[in-house]
Every structure is written in C-alpha cells, then in structure tokens.
C-alpha cells in the first residue's frame, strides 16, 4: 500500500475501510465557514431510518483545497476512463 494511505483505517486484511457516499449537502455559515454533510453507510437506509453522516465545518481556504483536490481526482478518473476505452 502506498505511504499516502498509511494513516487511513484498514480492516483485518489490510484493505482500506471506505464507505459508499449516498448523498451530500452544503451550507454557508456567513463569510467565515461552510458546512459539508456526507451521508454514508454500507447499505442505503430504509425510509424513515436515520442516515449515518459526517458533518464538517470548513474554513474558506479548506473549501478551496477540497474543491481543487476533488477536481484533480475527477480529471484523473476521466483520463483513466479514456485510456480504458481505448484498450
């Protein structure tokens, strides 16, 4: 596993523990911060059940850093998808 993931949580077999993203919402808290709610879980919740979520507050510079990181990952995925389509 790459050193980039050394701090990530893993299971007993050494696989990264990751959760499917079911949805997200954002909020603005004035000019000082933004909120990000990530709805996660191993299975989609049934109607009326609470949705497990991680709620974060981000400073403006953190919002930009996250947006840039996601844009970079999106570009890499598009490149990989394009390359796979040629094979």
N, C-alpha and C. Protein backbone atom coordinates (compact mmCIF):
# COMPACT_ATOMS: atom_id res chain seq x y z
N UNK A 1 0.85 -1.18 0.00
CA UNK A 1 0.00 0.00 0.00
C UNK A 1 0.89 1.24 0.00
N UNK A 2 0.47 2.24 -0.69
CA UNK A 2 1.21 3.49 -0.79
C UNK A 2 1.30 4.18 0.57
N UNK A 3 2.41 4.88 0.80
CA UNK A 3 2.56 5.66 2.04
C UNK A 3 1.50 6.73 2.17
N UNK A 4 0.90 7.14 1.05
CA UNK A 4 -0.15 8.17 1.10
C UNK A 4 -1.34 7.70 1.94
N UNK A 5 -1.49 6.38 2.10
CA UNK A 5 -2.62 5.83 2.83
C UNK A 5 -2.23 5.27 4.20
N UNK A 6 -1.03 5.52 4.66
CA UNK A 6 -0.56 4.92 5.91
C UNK A 6 -1.41 5.31 7.12
N UNK A 7 -2.04 6.47 7.10
CA UNK A 7 -2.86 6.92 8.22
C UNK A 7 -4.33 6.53 8.07
N UNK A 8 -4.68 5.91 6.95
CA UNK A 8 -6.07 5.51 6.73
C UNK A 8 -6.38 4.26 7.55
N UNK A 9 -7.62 4.15 8.00
CA UNK A 9 -8.06 2.97 8.74
C UNK A 9 -8.18 1.78 7.79
N UNK A 10 -7.73 0.60 8.26
CA UNK A 10 -7.81 -0.61 7.45
C UNK A 10 -8.54 -1.71 8.22
N UNK A 11 -8.99 -2.72 7.48
CA UNK A 11 -9.63 -3.87 8.11
C UNK A 11 -8.56 -4.90 8.48
N UNK A 12 -8.98 -6.06 8.96
CA UNK A 12 -8.06 -7.10 9.38
C UNK A 12 -7.19 -7.65 8.27
N UNK A 13 -7.60 -7.44 7.01
CA UNK A 13 -6.82 -7.93 5.87
C UNK A 13 -5.95 -6.84 5.25
N UNK A 14 -5.96 -5.67 5.87
CA UNK A 14 -5.15 -4.57 5.36
C UNK A 14 -5.80 -3.75 4.27
N UNK A 15 -7.08 -4.01 3.97
CA UNK A 15 -7.80 -3.22 2.96
C UNK A 15 -8.29 -1.92 3.59
N UNK A 16 -8.26 -0.86 2.82
CA UNK A 16 -8.76 0.43 3.30
C UNK A 16 -10.24 0.33 3.64
N UNK A 17 -10.63 0.91 4.78
CA UNK A 17 -12.04 0.99 5.13
C UNK A 17 -12.60 2.26 4.49
N UNK A 18 -13.49 2.08 3.56
CA UNK A 18 -14.14 3.22 2.91
C UNK A 18 -15.64 2.96 2.90
N UNK A 19 -16.42 4.02 2.78
CA UNK A 19 -17.88 3.92 2.84
C UNK A 19 -18.48 4.50 1.58
N UNK A 20 -19.53 3.87 1.05
CA UNK A 20 -20.23 4.45 -0.10
C UNK A 20 -20.87 5.79 0.31
N UNK A 21 -20.84 6.72 -0.61
CA UNK A 21 -21.46 8.03 -0.40
C UNK A 21 -22.86 7.98 -0.99
N UNK A 22 -23.86 8.21 -0.14
CA UNK A 22 -25.25 8.19 -0.60
C UNK A 22 -25.74 9.58 -0.99
N UNK A 23 -25.13 10.59 -0.45
CA UNK A 23 -25.53 11.95 -0.77
C UNK A 23 -24.71 12.95 0.03
N UNK A 24 -24.86 14.19 -0.33
CA UNK A 24 -24.19 15.24 0.43
C UNK A 24 -24.98 16.53 0.30
N UNK A 25 -24.81 17.39 1.27
CA UNK A 25 -25.40 18.72 1.23
C UNK A 25 -24.35 19.71 1.75
N UNK A 26 -24.53 20.95 1.38
CA UNK A 26 -23.62 22.00 1.81
C UNK A 26 -24.42 23.12 2.46
N UNK A 27 -23.73 23.94 3.25
CA UNK A 27 -24.35 25.08 3.90
C UNK A 27 -23.30 26.18 4.04
N UNK A 28 -23.76 27.41 4.04
CA UNK A 28 -22.87 28.54 4.30
C UNK A 28 -23.17 29.09 5.68
N UNK A 29 -22.12 29.38 6.43
CA UNK A 29 -22.24 30.00 7.75
C UNK A 29 -21.62 31.39 7.66
N UNK A 30 -22.34 32.29 7.03
CA UNK A 30 -21.82 33.63 6.82
C UNK A 30 -20.63 33.59 5.88
N UNK A 31 -19.68 34.49 6.09
CA UNK A 31 -18.48 34.53 5.25
C UNK A 31 -17.33 33.75 5.87
N UNK A 32 -17.54 33.22 7.07
CA UNK A 32 -16.45 32.61 7.81
C UNK A 32 -16.27 31.12 7.56
N UNK A 33 -17.35 30.42 7.17
CA UNK A 33 -17.24 28.97 7.08
C UNK A 33 -18.34 28.37 6.22
N UNK A 34 -18.11 27.14 5.82
CA UNK A 34 -19.10 26.37 5.08
C UNK A 34 -19.28 25.03 5.78
N UNK A 35 -20.45 24.45 5.62
CA UNK A 35 -20.71 23.13 6.17
C UNK A 35 -20.80 22.12 5.05
N UNK A 36 -20.39 20.90 5.34
CA UNK A 36 -20.49 19.81 4.39
C UNK A 36 -20.98 18.58 5.15
N UNK A 37 -22.11 18.03 4.70
CA UNK A 37 -22.66 16.81 5.30
C UNK A 37 -22.53 15.69 4.29
N UNK A 38 -21.79 14.64 4.68
CA UNK A 38 -21.59 13.47 3.83
C UNK A 38 -22.41 12.32 4.38
N UNK A 39 -23.39 11.86 3.61
CA UNK A 39 -24.24 10.75 4.04
C UNK A 39 -23.59 9.46 3.56
N UNK A 40 -23.32 8.56 4.52
CA UNK A 40 -22.55 7.36 4.23
C UNK A 40 -23.23 6.12 4.80
N UNK A 41 -22.73 4.96 4.44
CA UNK A 41 -23.21 3.72 5.01
C UNK A 41 -22.83 2.54 4.15
N UNK A 42 -23.11 1.34 4.64
CA UNK A 42 -22.82 0.15 3.86
C UNK A 42 -24.01 -0.27 3.01
N UNK A 43 -25.20 0.15 3.42
CA UNK A 43 -26.41 -0.10 2.63
C UNK A 43 -27.27 1.15 2.69
N UNK A 44 -28.08 1.34 1.67
CA UNK A 44 -28.97 2.50 1.66
C UNK A 44 -29.98 2.36 2.80
N UNK A 45 -30.23 3.44 3.53
CA UNK A 45 -31.19 3.37 4.63
C UNK A 45 -32.62 3.19 4.11
N UNK A 46 -33.42 2.53 4.92
CA UNK A 46 -34.84 2.36 4.59
C UNK A 46 -35.56 3.66 4.90
N UNK A 47 -36.69 3.92 4.25
CA UNK A 47 -37.45 5.15 4.53
C UNK A 47 -37.72 5.30 6.03
N UNK A 48 -37.44 6.48 6.52
CA UNK A 48 -37.67 6.78 7.92
C UNK A 48 -36.49 6.48 8.84
N UNK A 49 -35.52 5.72 8.36
CA UNK A 49 -34.35 5.42 9.17
C UNK A 49 -33.37 6.59 9.12
N UNK A 50 -32.65 6.83 10.21
CA UNK A 50 -31.63 7.89 10.16
C UNK A 50 -30.51 7.50 9.20
N UNK A 51 -29.93 8.49 8.59
CA UNK A 51 -28.84 8.28 7.65
C UNK A 51 -27.53 8.60 8.36
N UNK A 52 -26.62 7.61 8.46
CA UNK A 52 -25.32 7.92 9.05
C UNK A 52 -24.63 9.02 8.23
N UNK A 53 -24.07 9.98 8.92
CA UNK A 53 -23.45 11.10 8.20
C UNK A 53 -22.29 11.67 8.99
N UNK A 54 -21.39 12.27 8.26
CA UNK A 54 -20.29 13.02 8.82
C UNK A 54 -20.55 14.48 8.47
N UNK A 55 -20.62 15.33 9.47
CA UNK A 55 -20.88 16.76 9.24
C UNK A 55 -19.61 17.54 9.59
N UNK A 56 -19.13 18.30 8.62
CA UNK A 56 -17.88 19.05 8.77
C UNK A 56 -18.13 20.54 8.65
N UNK A 57 -17.30 21.31 9.31
CA UNK A 57 -17.26 22.75 9.08
C UNK A 57 -15.90 23.05 8.48
N UNK A 58 -15.89 23.86 7.43
CA UNK A 58 -14.67 24.16 6.69
C UNK A 58 -14.44 25.67 6.62
N UNK A 59 -13.20 26.07 6.77
CA UNK A 59 -12.82 27.46 6.54
C UNK A 59 -12.76 27.69 5.04
N UNK A 60 -12.85 28.94 4.58
CA UNK A 60 -12.83 29.21 3.14
C UNK A 60 -11.63 28.58 2.42
N UNK A 61 -10.43 28.63 3.02
CA UNK A 61 -9.27 28.03 2.35
C UNK A 61 -9.39 26.51 2.28
N UNK A 62 -10.03 25.89 3.26
CA UNK A 62 -10.24 24.45 3.23
C UNK A 62 -11.25 24.06 2.15
N UNK A 63 -12.26 24.90 1.94
CA UNK A 63 -13.23 24.65 0.88
C UNK A 63 -12.52 24.63 -0.47
N UNK A 64 -11.66 25.60 -0.70
CA UNK A 64 -10.92 25.67 -1.97
C UNK A 64 -9.98 24.48 -2.12
N UNK A 65 -9.27 24.11 -1.05
CA UNK A 65 -8.36 22.96 -1.11
C UNK A 65 -9.13 21.68 -1.44
N UNK A 66 -10.28 21.49 -0.81
CA UNK A 66 -11.10 20.30 -1.07
C UNK A 66 -11.62 20.32 -2.50
N UNK A 67 -12.08 21.47 -2.95
CA UNK A 67 -12.59 21.58 -4.33
C UNK A 67 -11.48 21.27 -5.33
N UNK A 68 -10.28 21.79 -5.10
CA UNK A 68 -9.16 21.53 -6.00
C UNK A 68 -8.78 20.05 -6.00
N UNK A 69 -8.77 19.43 -4.81
CA UNK A 69 -8.42 18.01 -4.72
C UNK A 69 -9.45 17.15 -5.45
N UNK A 70 -10.73 17.47 -5.29
CA UNK A 70 -11.78 16.71 -5.97
C UNK A 70 -11.71 16.91 -7.49
N UNK A 71 -11.40 18.12 -7.92
CA UNK A 71 -11.26 18.38 -9.36
C UNK A 71 -10.09 17.58 -9.93
N UNK A 72 -8.99 17.49 -9.18
CA UNK A 72 -7.84 16.72 -9.65
C UNK A 72 -8.19 15.25 -9.76
N UNK A 73 -8.90 14.71 -8.77
CA UNK A 73 -9.30 13.30 -8.82
C UNK A 73 -10.25 13.07 -9.99
N UNK A 74 -11.17 14.00 -10.23
CA UNK A 74 -12.11 13.87 -11.36
C UNK A 74 -11.35 13.83 -12.68
N UNK A 75 -10.35 14.67 -12.84
CA UNK A 75 -9.55 14.68 -14.06
C UNK A 75 -8.80 13.36 -14.24
N UNK A 76 -8.25 12.83 -13.16
CA UNK A 76 -7.53 11.56 -13.24
C UNK A 76 -8.48 10.42 -13.61
N UNK A 77 -9.68 10.42 -13.02
CA UNK A 77 -10.67 9.40 -13.35
C UNK A 77 -11.06 9.47 -14.82
N UNK A 78 -11.26 10.68 -15.33
CA UNK A 78 -11.61 10.85 -16.74
C UNK A 78 -10.49 10.34 -17.64
N UNK A 79 -9.25 10.60 -17.25
CA UNK A 79 -8.10 10.12 -18.03
C UNK A 79 -8.06 8.60 -18.03
N UNK A 80 -8.24 8.00 -16.85
CA UNK A 80 -8.22 6.54 -16.76
C UNK A 80 -9.36 5.92 -17.55
N UNK A 81 -10.54 6.53 -17.48
CA UNK A 81 -11.69 6.03 -18.22
C UNK A 81 -11.43 6.11 -19.72
N UNK A 82 -10.83 7.21 -20.16
CA UNK A 82 -10.50 7.40 -21.56
C UNK A 82 -9.48 6.36 -22.03
N UNK A 83 -8.47 6.13 -21.21
CA UNK A 83 -7.43 5.14 -21.56
C UNK A 83 -8.02 3.73 -21.60
N UNK A 84 -8.90 3.42 -20.67
CA UNK A 84 -9.52 2.09 -20.63
C UNK A 84 -10.42 1.88 -21.85
N UNK A 85 -11.04 2.95 -22.33
CA UNK A 85 -11.90 2.86 -23.51
C UNK A 85 -11.13 2.57 -24.77
N UNK A 86 -9.85 2.91 -24.79
CA UNK A 86 -9.01 2.68 -25.97
C UNK A 86 -8.47 1.25 -26.03
N UNK A 87 -8.45 0.59 -24.88
CA UNK A 87 -7.86 -0.77 -24.81
C UNK A 87 -8.77 -1.81 -25.41
